[in-house]
C-alpha cells in the first residue's frame, strides 16, 4: 500500500529533527565521547528504529512492518562496514578525538543524502523497466561472492582519487584548526585536513550506497520503506562507532553472513517472476544468518586480546574505555 503524502512529509521532516537531537544531546562540543554514553545512545537509536516497525504495522499492515524490519537489519549490518572505513580514514588522517563526533555527523548526513539519491534512482528504474530487477539481483550475487572471497584487505585512503586531487590543487594547512573546514591565514583561504577527510568519506559513502540500496530493494519495492530503513539504520551510526570501533575485527565472520544474506536476496530478485517467499521467511533468514555470524564471531574471538587484533583503533578511541 502506497503511504499517504503526509507520511512522506513526516519521514523526510524527521531527518533534520533526529539529526538536531543527535547534535544537541550526543557528542556535543569538543571532547571525547565516553563508551558508556555511546552505548546508551546506540541502544536508544536501535529502540527507535525497531519501534518504527510498530508504526508501520499499525498504519500499513504486518507485511509492510516485516519488510521494514528486514530492510532495517540488512542496512544496519551493512553499516558496520561504514564504521570500519570511518575508523581507517580517521586513523590515516590522525583526526583528533575531540572533532571525531562532528566529522562523523557530517559523514553520516552525507551518507543519507547519497542513499536518498540512489533510492530515488532505483525506484524510478524499477517502475520504468522490470528487467532492472535482474541487474540488481546479479549485482548482489557478485557482491556476495566478493564479500565471501575477500582477503580482508583494508581500505587505503592514500589511493583515493579525490584526496590526490585535493593534495595537488587545494591549498591546505598542515594541521587541524579545531572544527573549522576552511581558515584565512596569511591573506589566503586554506582548507584544513577536515576538508580532505570529508571528501574521502563522501566518496566512500557513494560506494556504500551503490552496494546497499539494491539489497533492500530485494526485500521491498516500496521506496518509503527503503528510505525509512536507511534513515533509522544510519542515525545511530555515530554513537555505535564509539561503542564497537575497537571490536570491529572481532566480527570476523560477519562478512560471510552478509555474503549469504546478499546472495539470498540476489537470488530472490533473479527469481522474482517465479518465487515469492512470504515476508516472514525473508525476515527469519536475515535474523538467523546475521545472528549466527555475529555469535560465531564472538565465540571464535572470545579469548583474543587487543594485541591479537590486526586493526588498530584511531586516535582517541580506546577499546572498552
C-alpha atoms as a PDB file:
ATOM      1  CA  UNK A   1       0.000   0.000   0.000  1.00  0.00           C
ATOM      2  CA  UNK A   2       1.420   3.359  -1.048  1.00  0.00           C
ATOM      3  CA  UNK A   3       1.826   5.588   2.042  1.00  0.00           C
ATOM      4  CA  UNK A   4      -0.035   8.919   2.037  1.00  0.00           C
ATOM      5  CA  UNK A   5       1.726  12.201   1.315  1.00  0.00           C
ATOM      6  CA  UNK A   6       1.728  13.184   4.980  1.00  0.00           C
ATOM      7  CA  UNK A   7       3.761  10.070   5.800  1.00  0.00           C
ATOM      8  CA  UNK A   8       6.440  11.110   3.295  1.00  0.00           C
ATOM      9  CA  UNK A   9       6.487  14.631   4.724  1.00  0.00           C
ATOM     10  CA  UNK A  10       6.753  13.282   8.283  1.00  0.00           C
ATOM     11  CA  UNK A  11       9.591  10.889   7.407  1.00  0.00           C
ATOM     12  CA  UNK A  12      11.623  13.452   5.474  1.00  0.00           C
ATOM     13  CA  UNK A  13      10.955  16.070   8.149  1.00  0.00           C
ATOM     14  CA  UNK A  14      12.106  13.628  10.842  1.00  0.00           C
ATOM     15  CA  UNK A  15      15.634  13.554   9.416  1.00  0.00           C
ATOM     16  CA  UNK A  16      16.656  17.106  10.466  1.00  0.00           C
ATOM     17  CA  UNK A  17      14.813  16.661  13.773  1.00  0.00           C
ATOM     18  CA  UNK A  18      16.670  13.441  14.595  1.00  0.00           C
ATOM     19  CA  UNK A  19      19.947  14.976  13.427  1.00  0.00           C
ATOM     20  CA  UNK A  20      19.321  18.002  15.688  1.00  0.00           C
ATOM     21  CA  UNK A  21      18.688  15.713  18.655  1.00  0.00           C
ATOM     22  CA  UNK A  22      21.917  13.885  17.911  1.00  0.00           C
ATOM     23  CA  UNK A  23      23.834  17.164  17.601  1.00  0.00           C
ATOM     24  CA  UNK A  24      22.427  18.777  20.734  1.00  0.00           C
ATOM     25  CA  UNK A  25      22.415  15.799  23.094  1.00  0.00           C
ATOM     26  CA  UNK A  26      25.147  13.436  21.880  1.00  0.00           C
ATOM     27  CA  UNK A  27      28.786  14.261  21.231  1.00  0.00           C
ATOM     28  CA  UNK A  28      28.193  17.980  21.634  1.00  0.00           C
ATOM     29  CA  UNK A  29      31.255  20.188  21.894  1.00  0.00           C
ATOM     30  CA  UNK A  30      34.922  19.306  21.604  1.00  0.00           C
ATOM     31  CA  UNK A  31      35.519  16.295  23.819  1.00  0.00           C
ATOM     32  CA  UNK A  32      35.982  12.573  23.693  1.00  0.00           C
ATOM     33  CA  UNK A  33      32.769  10.534  23.743  1.00  0.00           C
ATOM     34  CA  UNK A  34      32.699   8.001  26.620  1.00  0.00           C
ATOM     35  CA  UNK A  35      31.884   4.465  25.546  1.00  0.00           C
ATOM     36  CA  UNK A  36      29.172   4.125  28.207  1.00  0.00           C
ATOM     37  CA  UNK A  37      27.338   7.186  26.912  1.00  0.00           C
ATOM     38  CA  UNK A  38      27.716   5.976  23.334  1.00  0.00           C
ATOM     39  CA  UNK A  39      26.309   2.560  24.298  1.00  0.00           C
ATOM     40  CA  UNK A  40      23.218   4.130  25.870  1.00  0.00           C
ATOM     41  CA  UNK A  41      22.625   6.271  22.799  1.00  0.00           C
ATOM     42  CA  UNK A  42      23.166   3.300  20.480  1.00  0.00           C
ATOM     43  CA  UNK A  43      20.565   1.305  22.381  1.00  0.00           C
ATOM     44  CA  UNK A  44      18.161   4.252  22.204  1.00  0.00           C
ATOM     45  CA  UNK A  45      18.589   4.653  18.427  1.00  0.00           C
ATOM     46  CA  UNK A  46      18.088   0.920  17.884  1.00  0.00           C
ATOM     47  CA  UNK A  47      14.933   1.060  20.014  1.00  0.00           C
ATOM     48  CA  UNK A  48      13.634   3.956  17.895  1.00  0.00           C
ATOM     49  CA  UNK A  49      14.384   2.048  14.701  1.00  0.00           C
ATOM     50  CA  UNK A  50      12.621  -1.072  15.931  1.00  0.00           C
ATOM     51  CA  UNK A  51       9.686   0.931  17.299  1.00  0.00           C
ATOM     52  CA  UNK A  52       9.082   2.339  13.826  1.00  0.00           C
ATOM     53  CA  UNK A  53       8.184  -1.192  12.768  1.00  0.00           C
ATOM     54  CA  UNK A  54       5.220  -0.931  15.128  1.00  0.00           C
ATOM     55  CA  UNK A  55       4.134   2.279  13.407  1.00  0.00           C
ATOM     56  CA  UNK A  56       4.452   0.566  10.036  1.00  0.00           C
ATOM     57  CA  UNK A  57       2.382  -2.356  11.277  1.00  0.00           C
ATOM     58  CA  UNK A  58      -0.354  -0.103  12.670  1.00  0.00           C
ATOM     59  CA  UNK A  59      -0.603   2.089   9.557  1.00  0.00           C
ATOM     60  CA  UNK A  60       0.293  -0.217   6.659  1.00  0.00           C
ATOM     61  CA  UNK A  61      -0.074  -3.753   7.969  1.00  0.00           C
ATOM     62  CA  UNK A  62       2.110  -6.636   9.045  1.00  0.00           C
ATOM     63  CA  UNK A  63       3.667  -7.223   5.631  1.00  0.00           C
ATOM     64  CA  UNK A  64       4.997  -3.678   5.469  1.00  0.00           C
ATOM     65  CA  UNK A  65       6.306  -3.962   9.030  1.00  0.00           C
ATOM     66  CA  UNK A  66       8.103  -7.207   8.179  1.00  0.00           C
ATOM     67  CA  UNK A  67       9.628  -5.677   5.051  1.00  0.00           C
ATOM     68  CA  UNK A  68      10.804  -2.689   7.053  1.00  0.00           C
ATOM     69  CA  UNK A  69      12.390  -4.880   9.725  1.00  0.00           C
ATOM     70  CA  UNK A  70      14.181  -6.998   7.105  1.00  0.00           C
ATOM     71  CA  UNK A  71      15.456  -3.890   5.352  1.00  0.00           C
ATOM     72  CA  UNK A  72      16.466  -2.254   8.630  1.00  0.00           C
ATOM     73  CA  UNK A  73      18.515  -5.272   9.716  1.00  0.00           C
ATOM     74  CA  UNK A  74      20.235  -5.523   6.330  1.00  0.00           C
ATOM     75  CA  UNK A  75      21.087  -1.811   6.224  1.00  0.00           C
ATOM     76  CA  UNK A  76      22.199  -1.759   9.865  1.00  0.00           C
ATOM     77  CA  UNK A  77      24.508  -4.716   9.298  1.00  0.00           C
ATOM     78  CA  UNK A  78      25.958  -3.242   6.112  1.00  0.00           C
ATOM     79  CA  UNK A  79      26.537  -0.014   8.034  1.00  0.00           C
ATOM     80  CA  UNK A  80      29.131  -1.787  10.143  1.00  0.00           C
ATOM     81  CA  UNK A  81      31.327  -1.627   7.050  1.00  0.00           C
ATOM     82  CA  UNK A  82      30.865   2.137   7.139  1.00  0.00           C
ATOM     83  CA  UNK A  83      32.202   2.161  10.688  1.00  0.00           C
ATOM     84  CA  UNK A  84      35.279   0.212   9.685  1.00  0.00           C
ATOM     85  CA  UNK A  85      36.025   2.592   6.816  1.00  0.00           C
ATOM     86  CA  UNK A  86      35.426   5.643   9.015  1.00  0.00           C
ATOM     87  CA  UNK A  87      37.909   4.222  11.513  1.00  0.00           C
ATOM     88  CA  UNK A  88      40.528   3.610   8.823  1.00  0.00           C
ATOM     89  CA  UNK A  89      40.055   7.139   7.451  1.00  0.00           C
ATOM     90  CA  UNK A  90      40.310   8.673  10.924  1.00  0.00           C
ATOM     91  CA  UNK A  91      43.452   6.708  11.639  1.00  0.00           C
ATOM     92  CA  UNK A  92      45.059   7.695   8.334  1.00  0.00           C
ATOM     93  CA  UNK A  93      44.337  11.409   8.832  1.00  0.00           C
ATOM     94  CA  UNK A  94      45.015  11.281  12.591  1.00  0.00           C
ATOM     95  CA  UNK A  95      41.690  13.001  13.250  1.00  0.00           C
ATOM     96  CA  UNK A  96      41.789  14.330  16.832  1.00  0.00           C
ATOM     97  CA  UNK A  97      39.363  12.680  19.228  1.00  0.00           C
ATOM     98  CA  UNK A  98      37.599  15.939  20.059  1.00  0.00           C
ATOM     99  CA  UNK A  99      36.454  16.559  16.473  1.00  0.00           C
ATOM    100  CA  UNK A 100      35.643  12.981  15.502  1.00  0.00           C
ATOM    101  CA  UNK A 101      31.943  13.307  16.529  1.00  0.00           C
ATOM    102  CA  UNK A 102      31.453  16.317  14.235  1.00  0.00           C
ATOM    103  CA  UNK A 103      33.179  14.664  11.282  1.00  0.00           C
ATOM    104  CA  UNK A 104      31.131  11.510  11.842  1.00  0.00           C
ATOM    105  CA  UNK A 105      27.924  13.516  11.862  1.00  0.00           C
ATOM    106  CA  UNK A 106      28.762  15.188   8.561  1.00  0.00           C
ATOM    107  CA  UNK A 107      29.775  11.840   7.070  1.00  0.00           C
ATOM    108  CA  UNK A 108      26.526  10.166   8.121  1.00  0.00           C
ATOM    109  CA  UNK A 109      24.397  13.045   6.859  1.00  0.00           C
ATOM    110  CA  UNK A 110      26.286  12.744   3.571  1.00  0.00           C
ATOM    111  CA  UNK A 111      25.511   9.033   3.508  1.00  0.00           C
ATOM    112  CA  UNK A 112      21.810   9.815   3.968  1.00  0.00           C
ATOM    113  CA  UNK A 113      21.880  12.256   1.068  1.00  0.00           C
ATOM    114  CA  UNK A 114      23.621   9.820  -1.288  1.00  0.00           C
ATOM    115  CA  UNK A 115      21.347   6.944  -0.301  1.00  0.00           C
ATOM    116  CA  UNK A 116      18.314   9.136  -0.827  1.00  0.00           C
ATOM    117  CA  UNK A 117      19.528   9.899  -4.344  1.00  0.00           C
ATOM    118  CA  UNK A 118      20.140   6.232  -5.128  1.00  0.00           C
ATOM    119  CA  UNK A 119      16.777   5.231  -3.641  1.00  0.00           C
ATOM    120  CA  UNK A 120      15.037   7.675  -5.969  1.00  0.00           C
ATOM    121  CA  UNK A 121      17.017   6.386  -8.954  1.00  0.00           C
ATOM    122  CA  UNK A 122      16.348   2.757  -8.034  1.00  0.00           C
ATOM    123  CA  UNK A 123      12.615   3.303  -7.506  1.00  0.00           C
ATOM    124  CA  UNK A 124      12.242   5.092 -10.838  1.00  0.00           C
ATOM    125  CA  UNK A 125      14.289   2.448 -12.663  1.00  0.00           C
ATOM    126  CA  UNK A 126      12.286  -0.443 -11.230  1.00  0.00           C
ATOM    127  CA  UNK A 127       8.959   1.190 -12.018  1.00  0.00           C
ATOM    128  CA  UNK A 128      10.036   2.066 -15.564  1.00  0.00           C
ATOM    129  CA  UNK A 129      11.596  -1.257 -16.526  1.00  0.00           C
ATOM    130  CA  UNK A 130      11.009  -4.529 -14.705  1.00  0.00           C
ATOM    131  CA  UNK A 131      14.178  -6.068 -16.143  1.00  0.00           C
ATOM    132  CA  UNK A 132      16.257  -3.750 -13.944  1.00  0.00           C
ATOM    133  CA  UNK A 133      15.477  -6.111 -11.080  1.00  0.00           C
ATOM    134  CA  UNK A 134      17.615  -8.774 -12.779  1.00  0.00           C
ATOM    135  CA  UNK A 135      20.548  -6.353 -12.952  1.00  0.00           C
ATOM    136  CA  UNK A 136      20.143  -5.631  -9.237  1.00  0.00           C
ATOM    137  CA  UNK A 137      19.937  -9.343  -8.479  1.00  0.00           C
ATOM    138  CA  UNK A 138      23.040 -10.194 -10.491  1.00  0.00           C
ATOM    139  CA  UNK A 139      24.922  -7.306  -8.864  1.00  0.00           C
ATOM    140  CA  UNK A 140      24.040  -8.603  -5.390  1.00  0.00           C
ATOM    141  CA  UNK A 141      25.159 -12.140  -6.237  1.00  0.00           C
ATOM    142  CA  UNK A 142      28.501 -10.792  -7.495  1.00  0.00           C
ATOM    143  CA  UNK A 143      28.830  -8.594  -4.404  1.00  0.00           C
ATOM    144  CA  UNK A 144      28.084 -11.606  -2.186  1.00  0.00           C
ATOM    145  CA  UNK A 145      30.832 -13.579  -3.918  1.00  0.00           C
ATOM    146  CA  UNK A 146      33.301 -10.728  -3.459  1.00  0.00           C
ATOM    147  CA  UNK A 147      32.437 -10.469   0.243  1.00  0.00           C
ATOM    148  CA  UNK A 148      32.806 -14.204   0.803  1.00  0.00           C
ATOM    149  CA  UNK A 149      36.141 -14.430  -1.006  1.00  0.00           C
ATOM    150  CA  UNK A 150      37.707 -11.149   0.132  1.00  0.00           C
ATOM    151  CA  UNK A 151      41.014 -11.470   1.926  1.00  0.00           C
ATOM    152  CA  UNK A 152      40.172  -8.756   4.435  1.00  0.00           C
ATOM    153  CA  UNK A 153      42.428  -6.110   2.974  1.00  0.00           C
ATOM    154  CA  UNK A 154      41.929  -2.628   4.395  1.00  0.00           C
ATOM    155  CA  UNK A 155      40.803   0.459   2.564  1.00  0.00           C
ATOM    156  CA  UNK A 156      43.764   2.673   1.668  1.00  0.00           C
ATOM    157  CA  UNK A 157      42.697   6.348   1.837  1.00  0.00           C
ATOM    158  CA  UNK A 158      46.005   7.449   0.303  1.00  0.00           C
ATOM    159  CA  UNK A 159      44.864   5.978  -3.042  1.00  0.00           C
ATOM    160  CA  UNK A 160      41.568   7.864  -3.064  1.00  0.00           C
ATOM    161  CA  UNK A 161      41.415   9.919  -6.275  1.00  0.00           C
ATOM    162  CA  UNK A 162      39.639  12.845  -4.619  1.00  0.00           C
ATOM    163  CA  UNK A 163      42.359  13.034  -1.989  1.00  0.00           C
ATOM    164  CA  UNK A 164      45.020  13.071  -4.684  1.00  0.00           C
ATOM    165  CA  UNK A 165      43.244  15.994  -6.368  1.00  0.00           C
ATOM    166  CA  UNK A 166      42.963  17.882  -3.068  1.00  0.00           C
ATOM    167  CA  UNK A 167      46.664  17.414  -2.330  1.00  0.00           C
ATOM    168  CA  UNK A 168      47.522  18.729  -5.773  1.00  0.00           C
ATOM    169  CA  UNK A 169      45.155  21.633  -6.302  1.00  0.00           C
ATOM    170  CA  UNK A 170      43.714  22.816  -2.949  1.00  0.00           C
ATOM    171  CA  UNK A 171      45.926  24.986  -0.696  1.00  0.00           C
ATOM    172  CA  UNK A 172      45.715  23.430   2.749  1.00  0.00           C
ATOM    173  CA  UNK A 173      47.061  23.748   6.249  1.00  0.00           C
ATOM    174  CA  UNK A 174      49.340  21.100   7.694  1.00  0.00           C
ATOM    175  CA  UNK A 175      47.387  20.815  10.941  1.00  0.00           C
ATOM    176  CA  UNK A 176      43.802  20.906  12.169  1.00  0.00           C
ATOM    177  CA  UNK A 177      42.209  24.171  13.260  1.00  0.00           C
ATOM    178  CA  UNK A 178      39.577  22.884  15.624  1.00  0.00           C
ATOM    179  CA  UNK A 179      36.322  22.044  13.843  1.00  0.00           C
ATOM    180  CA  UNK A 180      36.913  24.520  11.038  1.00  0.00           C
ATOM    181  CA  UNK A 181      36.934  23.241   7.465  1.00  0.00           C
ATOM    182  CA  UNK A 182      38.419  26.439   5.972  1.00  0.00           C
ATOM    183  CA  UNK A 183      40.528  29.199   7.536  1.00  0.00           C
ATOM    184  CA  UNK A 184      42.012  32.536   6.439  1.00  0.00           C
ATOM    185  CA  UNK A 185      45.746  32.695   7.070  1.00  0.00           C
ATOM    186  CA  UNK A 186      48.347  34.937   5.522  1.00  0.00           C
ATOM    187  CA  UNK A 187      45.727  36.545   3.326  1.00  0.00           C
ATOM    188  CA  UNK A 188      44.747  33.204   1.806  1.00  0.00           C
ATOM    189  CA  UNK A 189      41.763  30.921   2.230  1.00  0.00           C
ATOM    190  CA  UNK A 190      43.085  27.482   3.154  1.00  0.00           C
ATOM    191  CA  UNK A 191      41.423  24.141   3.639  1.00  0.00           C
ATOM    192  CA  UNK A 192      42.127  22.236   6.834  1.00  0.00           C
ATOM    193  CA  UNK A 193      42.640  18.451   6.844  1.00  0.00           C
ATOM    194  CA  UNK A 194      38.923  18.107   7.702  1.00  0.00           C
ATOM    195  CA  UNK A 195      38.131  19.102   4.104  1.00  0.00           C
ATOM    196  CA  UNK A 196      40.117  16.152   2.773  1.00  0.00           C
ATOM    197  CA  UNK A 197      38.591  13.811   5.367  1.00  0.00           C
ATOM    198  CA  UNK A 198      35.070  14.808   4.358  1.00  0.00           C
ATOM    199  CA  UNK A 199      35.798  14.309   0.664  1.00  0.00           C
ATOM    200  CA  UNK A 200      37.196  10.836   1.271  1.00  0.00           C
ATOM    201  CA  UNK A 201      34.217   9.959   3.486  1.00  0.00           C
ATOM    202  CA  UNK A 202      31.797  11.272   0.843  1.00  0.00           C
ATOM    203  CA  UNK A 203      33.368   9.201  -1.921  1.00  0.00           C
ATOM    204  CA  UNK A 204      33.136   6.046   0.178  1.00  0.00           C
ATOM    205  CA  UNK A 205      29.508   6.915   1.028  1.00  0.00           C
ATOM    206  CA  UNK A 206      28.749   6.700  -2.699  1.00  0.00           C
ATOM    207  CA  UNK A 207      30.257   3.225  -2.890  1.00  0.00           C
ATOM    208  CA  UNK A 208      28.260   2.055   0.128  1.00  0.00           C
ATOM    209  CA  UNK A 209      25.064   3.441  -1.363  1.00  0.00           C
ATOM    210  CA  UNK A 210      25.686   1.504  -4.576  1.00  0.00           C
ATOM    211  CA  UNK A 211      26.108  -1.700  -2.568  1.00  0.00           C
ATOM    212  CA  UNK A 212      23.301  -1.311  -0.042  1.00  0.00           C
ATOM    213  CA  UNK A 213      20.364   0.110  -1.990  1.00  0.00           C
ATOM    214  CA  UNK A 214      19.920  -2.884  -4.355  1.00  0.00           C
ATOM    215  CA  UNK A 215      19.972  -5.153  -1.288  1.00  0.00           C
ATOM    216  CA  UNK A 216      16.962  -3.545   0.327  1.00  0.00           C
ATOM    217  CA  UNK A 217      15.069  -3.271  -2.968  1.00  0.00           C
ATOM    218  CA  UNK A 218      15.265  -7.071  -2.998  1.00  0.00           C
ATOM    219  CA  UNK A 219      13.196  -7.036   0.194  1.00  0.00           C
ATOM    220  CA  UNK A 220      10.631  -4.432  -0.841  1.00  0.00           C
ATOM    221  CA  UNK A 221       9.869  -2.237  -3.822  1.00  0.00           C
ATOM    222  CA  UNK A 222       8.253   0.433  -1.627  1.00  0.00           C
ATOM    223  CA  UNK A 223      10.528   3.487  -1.741  1.00  0.00           C
ATOM    224  CA  UNK A 224       9.044   4.728   1.555  1.00  0.00           C
ATOM    225  CA  UNK A 225      10.099   1.574   3.388  1.00  0.00           C
ATOM    226  CA  UNK A 226      13.537   1.660   1.744  1.00  0.00           C
ATOM    227  CA  UNK A 227      14.097   5.265   2.830  1.00  0.00           C
ATOM    228  CA  UNK A 228      12.796   4.660   6.360  1.00  0.00           C
ATOM    229  CA  UNK A 229      15.062   1.643   6.862  1.00  0.00           C
ATOM    230  CA  UNK A 230      18.086   3.643   5.733  1.00  0.00           C
ATOM    231  CA  UNK A 231      17.238   6.673   7.878  1.00  0.00           C
ATOM    232  CA  UNK A 232      16.835   4.708  11.098  1.00  0.00           C
ATOM    233  CA  UNK A 233      19.800   2.413  10.383  1.00  0.00           C
ATOM    234  CA  UNK A 234      22.150   5.347   9.809  1.00  0.00           C
ATOM    235  CA  UNK A 235      21.004   7.765  12.509  1.00  0.00           C
ATOM    236  CA  UNK A 236      22.504   5.702  15.335  1.00  0.00           C
ATOM    237  CA  UNK A 237      25.724   5.040  13.487  1.00  0.00           C
ATOM    238  CA  UNK A 238      27.659   7.878  15.130  1.00  0.00           C
ATOM    239  CA  UNK A 239      27.056   6.559  18.639  1.00  0.00           C
ATOM    240  CA  UNK A 240      27.680   2.976  17.538  1.00  0.00           C
ATOM    241  CA  UNK A 241      31.097   3.981  16.202  1.00  0.00           C
ATOM    242  CA  UNK A 242      32.388   4.806  19.674  1.00  0.00           C
ATOM    243  CA  UNK A 243      30.993   1.550  21.071  1.00  0.00           C
ATOM    244  CA  UNK A 244      32.394  -1.040  18.684  1.00  0.00           C
ATOM    245  CA  UNK A 245      35.247   0.630  16.792  1.00  0.00           C
ATOM    246  CA  UNK A 246      37.732  -1.300  18.892  1.00  0.00           C
ATOM    247  CA  UNK A 247      35.804  -4.550  18.400  1.00  0.00           C
ATOM    248  CA  UNK A 248      35.327  -4.470  14.639  1.00  0.00           C
ATOM    249  CA  UNK A 249      37.857  -7.170  13.915  1.00  0.00           C
ATOM    250  CA  UNK A 250      36.097  -9.456  16.376  1.00  0.00           C
ATOM    251  CA  UNK A 251      33.267  -9.761  13.879  1.00  0.00           C
ATOM    252  CA  UNK A 252      35.448 -11.917  11.683  1.00  0.00           C
ATOM    253  CA  UNK A 253      32.562 -13.941  10.241  1.00  0.00           C
ATOM    254  CA  UNK A 254      30.201 -11.032   9.648  1.00  0.00           C
ATOM    255  CA  UNK A 255      31.333 -10.675   6.037  1.00  0.00           C
ATOM    256  CA  UNK A 256      30.309 -14.294   5.412  1.00  0.00           C
ATOM    257  CA  UNK A 257      26.918 -13.669   6.994  1.00  0.00           C
ATOM    258  CA  UNK A 258      26.432 -10.567   4.866  1.00  0.00           C
ATOM    259  CA  UNK A 259      27.554 -12.526   1.808  1.00  0.00           C
ATOM    260  CA  UNK A 260      24.902 -15.183   2.469  1.00  0.00           C
ATOM    261  CA  UNK A 261      22.196 -12.543   3.005  1.00  0.00           C
ATOM    262  CA  UNK A 262      23.138 -10.625  -0.144  1.00  0.00           C
ATOM    263  CA  UNK A 263      23.327 -13.867  -2.096  1.00  0.00           C
ATOM    264  CA  UNK A 264      19.860 -14.907  -0.907  1.00  0.00           C
ATOM    265  CA  UNK A 265      18.224 -11.590  -1.718  1.00  0.00           C
ATOM    266  CA  UNK A 266      20.057 -11.507  -5.056  1.00  0.00           C
ATOM    267  CA  UNK A 267      18.655 -14.932  -5.967  1.00  0.00           C
ATOM    268  CA  UNK A 268      15.234 -13.759  -4.752  1.00  0.00           C
ATOM    269  CA  UNK A 269      15.453 -10.883  -7.230  1.00  0.00           C
ATOM    270  CA  UNK A 270      16.571 -13.115 -10.089  1.00  0.00           C
ATOM    271  CA  UNK A 271      13.652 -15.480  -9.385  1.00  0.00           C
ATOM    272  CA  UNK A 272      11.130 -12.722  -8.696  1.00  0.00           C
ATOM    273  CA  UNK A 273       8.840 -13.875 -11.514  1.00  0.00           C
ATOM    274  CA  UNK A 274       8.538 -17.430 -10.189  1.00  0.00           C
ATOM    275  CA  UNK A 275       9.360 -17.275  -6.458  1.00  0.00           C
ATOM    276  CA  UNK A 276       7.536 -15.072  -3.952  1.00  0.00           C
ATOM    277  CA  UNK A 277       8.503 -16.141  -0.416  1.00  0.00           C
ATOM    278  CA  UNK A 278       6.427 -14.656   2.433  1.00  0.00           C
ATOM    279  CA  UNK A 279       7.996 -11.680   4.169  1.00  0.00           C
ATOM    280  CA  UNK A 280       8.454 -13.653   7.398  1.00  0.00           C
ATOM    281  CA  UNK A 281      10.693 -16.110   5.521  1.00  0.00           C
ATOM    282  CA  UNK A 282      12.960 -13.289   4.364  1.00  0.00           C
ATOM    283  CA  UNK A 283      12.994 -11.681   7.800  1.00  0.00           C
ATOM    284  CA  UNK A 284      13.685 -15.012   9.505  1.00  0.00           C
ATOM    285  CA  UNK A 285      16.546 -15.810   7.125  1.00  0.00           C
ATOM    286  CA  UNK A 286      18.159 -12.399   7.726  1.00  0.00           C
ATOM    287  CA  UNK A 287      17.894 -12.730  11.509  1.00  0.00           C
ATOM    288  CA  UNK A 288      19.197 -16.301  11.612  1.00  0.00           C
ATOM    289  CA  UNK A 289      22.107 -15.746   9.208  1.00  0.00           C
ATOM    290  CA  UNK A 290      23.332 -12.471  10.702  1.00  0.00           C
ATOM    291  CA  UNK A 291      22.758 -13.637  14.264  1.00  0.00           C
ATOM    292  CA  UNK A 292      24.712 -16.827  13.621  1.00  0.00           C
ATOM    293  CA  UNK A 293      27.567 -14.868  12.029  1.00  0.00           C
ATOM    294  CA  UNK A 294      27.814 -12.464  14.980  1.00  0.00           C
ATOM    295  CA  UNK A 295      27.594 -15.184  17.647  1.00  0.00           C
ATOM    296  CA  UNK A 296      30.135 -17.362  15.832  1.00  0.00           C
ATOM    297  CA  UNK A 297      32.482 -14.378  15.557  1.00  0.00           C
ATOM    298  CA  UNK A 298      32.221 -13.509  19.242  1.00  0.00           C
ATOM    299  CA  UNK A 299      32.746 -17.138  20.223  1.00  0.00           C
ATOM    300  CA  UNK A 300      35.778 -17.544  17.958  1.00  0.00           C
ATOM    301  CA  UNK A 301      37.414 -14.391  19.341  1.00  0.00           C
ATOM    302  CA  UNK A 302      36.383 -14.796  22.981  1.00  0.00           C
ATOM    303  CA  UNK A 303      39.979 -15.332  24.119  1.00  0.00           C
ATOM    304  CA  UNK A 304      41.564 -12.697  21.895  1.00  0.00           C
ATOM    305  CA  UNK A 305      43.476  -9.838  23.459  1.00  0.00           C
ATOM    306  CA  UNK A 306      43.884  -6.356  21.953  1.00  0.00           C
ATOM    307  CA  UNK A 307      47.333  -7.435  20.748  1.00  0.00           C
ATOM    308  CA  UNK A 308      45.735 -10.233  18.743  1.00  0.00           C
ATOM    309  CA  UNK A 309      43.691  -7.803  16.699  1.00  0.00           C
ATOM    310  CA  UNK A 310      45.104  -6.597  13.420  1.00  0.00           C
ATOM    311  CA  UNK A 311      43.073  -3.393  13.387  1.00  0.00           C
ATOM    312  CA  UNK A 312      44.295  -0.508  15.498  1.00  0.00           C
ATOM    313  CA  UNK A 313      41.610   1.920  16.612  1.00  0.00           C
ATOM    314  CA  UNK A 314      42.013   5.528  15.510  1.00  0.00           C
ATOM    315  CA  UNK A 315      43.480   8.162  17.845  1.00  0.00           C
ATOM    316  CA  UNK A 316      41.299   8.945  20.824  1.00  0.00           C
ATOM    317  CA  UNK A 317      39.322   5.686  20.789  1.00  0.00           C
ATOM    318  CA  UNK A 318      40.242   3.094  23.358  1.00  0.00           C
ATOM    319  CA  UNK A 319      38.513  -0.295  23.256  1.00  0.00           C
ATOM    320  CA  UNK A 320      36.369  -0.869  26.305  1.00  0.00           C
ATOM    321  CA  UNK A 321      37.190   2.500  27.827  1.00  0.00           C
END
